[in-house]
Amino acid sequence: MDISEIVAGSDAIQTALGLTKTIQARDLANALQNMREAALREQAVLELQHAILAAQAEQKVLLETIEALQNEVAELKAGPADRERSRLSKTG
């Protein structure tokens, strides 16, 4: 084996090691990008969950308001005797 074969073999090993490092760096960059995208998705999910909970709370308040108004309308439609009877039953 002469020196030129040894140098050529050494160059091939160095090239292979360089390619391995490049592949590892690319894989690491891809993994970091995937982690970033996953974090952004998780943040979006949390924001949507927050918005849903806020909308549900607002809906609950609106339904309670509707119920109170319906009761008030029913009382107003009732005759004076019914209103008095209702008022007395509420006060005890």
C-alpha atoms as a PDB file:
ATOM      1  CA  MET A   1       0.000   0.000   0.000  1.00  0.00           C
ATOM      2  CA  ASP A   2       1.541   3.258  -0.984  1.00  0.00           C
ATOM      3  CA  ILE A   3       1.136   6.725   0.494  1.00  0.00           C
ATOM      4  CA  SER A   4      -1.330   7.886  -2.174  1.00  0.00           C
ATOM      5  CA  GLU A   5      -3.740   5.062  -1.252  1.00  0.00           C
ATOM      6  CA  ILE A   6      -3.438   5.953   2.436  1.00  0.00           C
ATOM      7  CA  VAL A   7      -4.103   9.643   1.691  1.00  0.00           C
ATOM      8  CA  ALA A   8      -7.040   8.742  -0.534  1.00  0.00           C
ATOM      9  CA  GLY A   9      -8.452   6.491   2.196  1.00  0.00           C
ATOM     10  CA  SER A  10      -7.976   9.235   4.782  1.00  0.00           C
ATOM     11  CA  ASP A  11      -9.705  11.738   2.501  1.00  0.00           C
ATOM     12  CA  ALA A  12     -12.620   9.329   2.037  1.00  0.00           C
ATOM     13  CA  ILE A  13     -12.948   8.892   5.805  1.00  0.00           C
ATOM     14  CA  GLN A  14     -12.862  12.649   6.341  1.00  0.00           C
ATOM     15  CA  THR A  15     -15.513  13.125   3.648  1.00  0.00           C
ATOM     16  CA  ALA A  16     -17.694  10.463   5.259  1.00  0.00           C
ATOM     17  CA  LEU A  17     -17.286  12.093   8.670  1.00  0.00           C
ATOM     18  CA  GLY A  18     -18.144  15.475   7.172  1.00  0.00           C
ATOM     19  CA  LEU A  19     -21.286  14.042   5.596  1.00  0.00           C
ATOM     20  CA  THR A  20     -22.237  12.410   8.891  1.00  0.00           C
ATOM     21  CA  LYS A  21     -21.859  15.734  10.696  1.00  0.00           C
ATOM     22  CA  THR A  22     -23.908  17.474   8.015  1.00  0.00           C
ATOM     23  CA  ILE A  23     -26.650  14.859   8.284  1.00  0.00           C
ATOM     24  CA  GLN A  24     -26.640  15.134  12.085  1.00  0.00           C
ATOM     25  CA  ALA A  25     -26.848  18.923  11.886  1.00  0.00           C
ATOM     26  CA  ARG A  26     -29.736  18.676   9.392  1.00  0.00           C
ATOM     27  CA  ASP A  27     -31.543  16.161  11.602  1.00  0.00           C
ATOM     28  CA  LEU A  28     -31.045  18.390  14.631  1.00  0.00           C
ATOM     29  CA  ALA A  29     -32.365  21.409  12.732  1.00  0.00           C
ATOM     30  CA  ASN A  30     -35.405  19.411  11.607  1.00  0.00           C
ATOM     31  CA  ALA A  31     -36.042  18.221  15.165  1.00  0.00           C
ATOM     32  CA  LEU A  32     -35.838  21.788  16.476  1.00  0.00           C
ATOM     33  CA  GLN A  33     -38.220  22.992  13.749  1.00  0.00           C
ATOM     34  CA  ASN A  34     -40.668  20.198  14.620  1.00  0.00           C
ATOM     35  CA  MET A  35     -40.488  21.146  18.300  1.00  0.00           C
ATOM     36  CA  ARG A  36     -41.148  24.793  17.455  1.00  0.00           C
ATOM     37  CA  GLU A  37     -44.146  23.881  15.303  1.00  0.00           C
ATOM     38  CA  ALA A  38     -45.519  21.605  18.043  1.00  0.00           C
ATOM     39  CA  ALA A  39     -45.159  24.407  20.596  1.00  0.00           C
ATOM     40  CA  LEU A  40     -47.011  26.811  18.290  1.00  0.00           C
ATOM     41  CA  ARG A  41     -49.813  24.269  17.810  1.00  0.00           C
ATOM     42  CA  GLU A  42     -50.081  23.764  21.571  1.00  0.00           C
ATOM     43  CA  GLN A  43     -50.265  27.522  22.087  1.00  0.00           C
ATOM     44  CA  ALA A  44     -53.043  27.789  19.494  1.00  0.00           C
ATOM     45  CA  VAL A  45     -54.954  24.943  21.174  1.00  0.00           C
ATOM     46  CA  LEU A  46     -54.696  26.656  24.567  1.00  0.00           C
ATOM     47  CA  GLU A  47     -55.894  29.954  23.116  1.00  0.00           C
ATOM     48  CA  LEU A  48     -58.870  28.224  21.483  1.00  0.00           C
ATOM     49  CA  GLN A  49     -59.738  26.422  24.714  1.00  0.00           C
ATOM     50  CA  HIS A  50     -59.637  29.744  26.566  1.00  0.00           C
ATOM     51  CA  ALA A  51     -61.914  31.336  23.966  1.00  0.00           C
ATOM     52  CA  ILE A  52     -64.346  28.404  24.185  1.00  0.00           C
ATOM     53  CA  LEU A  53     -64.505  28.620  27.975  1.00  0.00           C
ATOM     54  CA  ALA A  54     -65.093  32.369  27.824  1.00  0.00           C
ATOM     55  CA  ALA A  55     -67.876  31.895  25.261  1.00  0.00           C
ATOM     56  CA  GLN A  56     -69.481  29.180  27.397  1.00  0.00           C
ATOM     57  CA  ALA A  57     -69.410  31.443  30.459  1.00  0.00           C
ATOM     58  CA  GLU A  58     -70.980  34.270  28.459  1.00  0.00           C
ATOM     59  CA  GLN A  59     -73.609  31.893  27.095  1.00  0.00           C
ATOM     60  CA  LYS A  60     -74.469  30.785  30.639  1.00  0.00           C
ATOM     61  CA  VAL A  61     -74.965  34.403  31.732  1.00  0.00           C
ATOM     62  CA  LEU A  62     -77.158  35.081  28.706  1.00  0.00           C
ATOM     63  CA  LEU A  63     -79.287  32.000  29.358  1.00  0.00           C
ATOM     64  CA  GLU A  64     -79.753  33.054  32.983  1.00  0.00           C
ATOM     65  CA  THR A  65     -80.771  36.531  31.828  1.00  0.00           C
ATOM     66  CA  ILE A  66     -83.257  35.061  29.346  1.00  0.00           C
ATOM     67  CA  GLU A  67     -84.760  32.872  32.063  1.00  0.00           C
ATOM     68  CA  ALA A  68     -85.103  35.833  34.445  1.00  0.00           C
ATOM     69  CA  LEU A  69     -86.742  37.930  31.734  1.00  0.00           C
ATOM     70  CA  GLN A  70     -89.125  35.117  30.816  1.00  0.00           C
ATOM     71  CA  ASN A  71     -90.147  34.839  34.467  1.00  0.00           C
ATOM     72  CA  GLU A  72     -90.663  38.583  34.644  1.00  0.00           C
ATOM     73  CA  VAL A  73     -92.805  38.557  31.501  1.00  0.00           C
ATOM     74  CA  ALA A  74     -94.863  35.678  32.909  1.00  0.00           C
ATOM     75  CA  GLU A  75     -95.429  37.650  36.112  1.00  0.00           C
ATOM     76  CA  LEU A  76     -96.445  40.753  34.167  1.00  0.00           C
ATOM     77  CA  LYS A  77     -98.905  38.742  32.097  1.00  0.00           C
ATOM     78  CA  ALA A  78    -100.447  37.263  35.222  1.00  0.00           C
ATOM     79  CA  GLY A  79    -103.346  39.079  36.781  1.00  0.00           C
ATOM     80  CA  PRO A  80    -102.933  41.250  39.890  1.00  0.00           C
ATOM     81  CA  ALA A  81    -104.112  38.449  42.176  1.00  0.00           C
ATOM     82  CA  ASP A  82    -101.591  36.040  40.702  1.00  0.00           C
ATOM     83  CA  ARG A  83     -98.812  38.612  41.087  1.00  0.00           C
ATOM     84  CA  GLU A  84     -99.735  39.164  44.739  1.00  0.00           C
ATOM     85  CA  ARG A  85     -99.902  35.423  45.389  1.00  0.00           C
ATOM     86  CA  SER A  86     -96.511  34.990  43.678  1.00  0.00           C
ATOM     87  CA  ARG A  87     -95.025  37.869  45.672  1.00  0.00           C
ATOM     88  CA  LEU A  88     -96.319  36.449  48.964  1.00  0.00           C
ATOM     89  CA  SER A  89     -95.029  32.965  48.180  1.00  0.00           C
ATOM     90  CA  LYS A  90     -91.550  34.353  47.438  1.00  0.00           C
ATOM     91  CA  THR A  91     -91.391  36.355  50.680  1.00  0.00           C
ATOM     92  CA  GLY A  92     -92.444  33.434  52.768  1.00  0.00           C
END
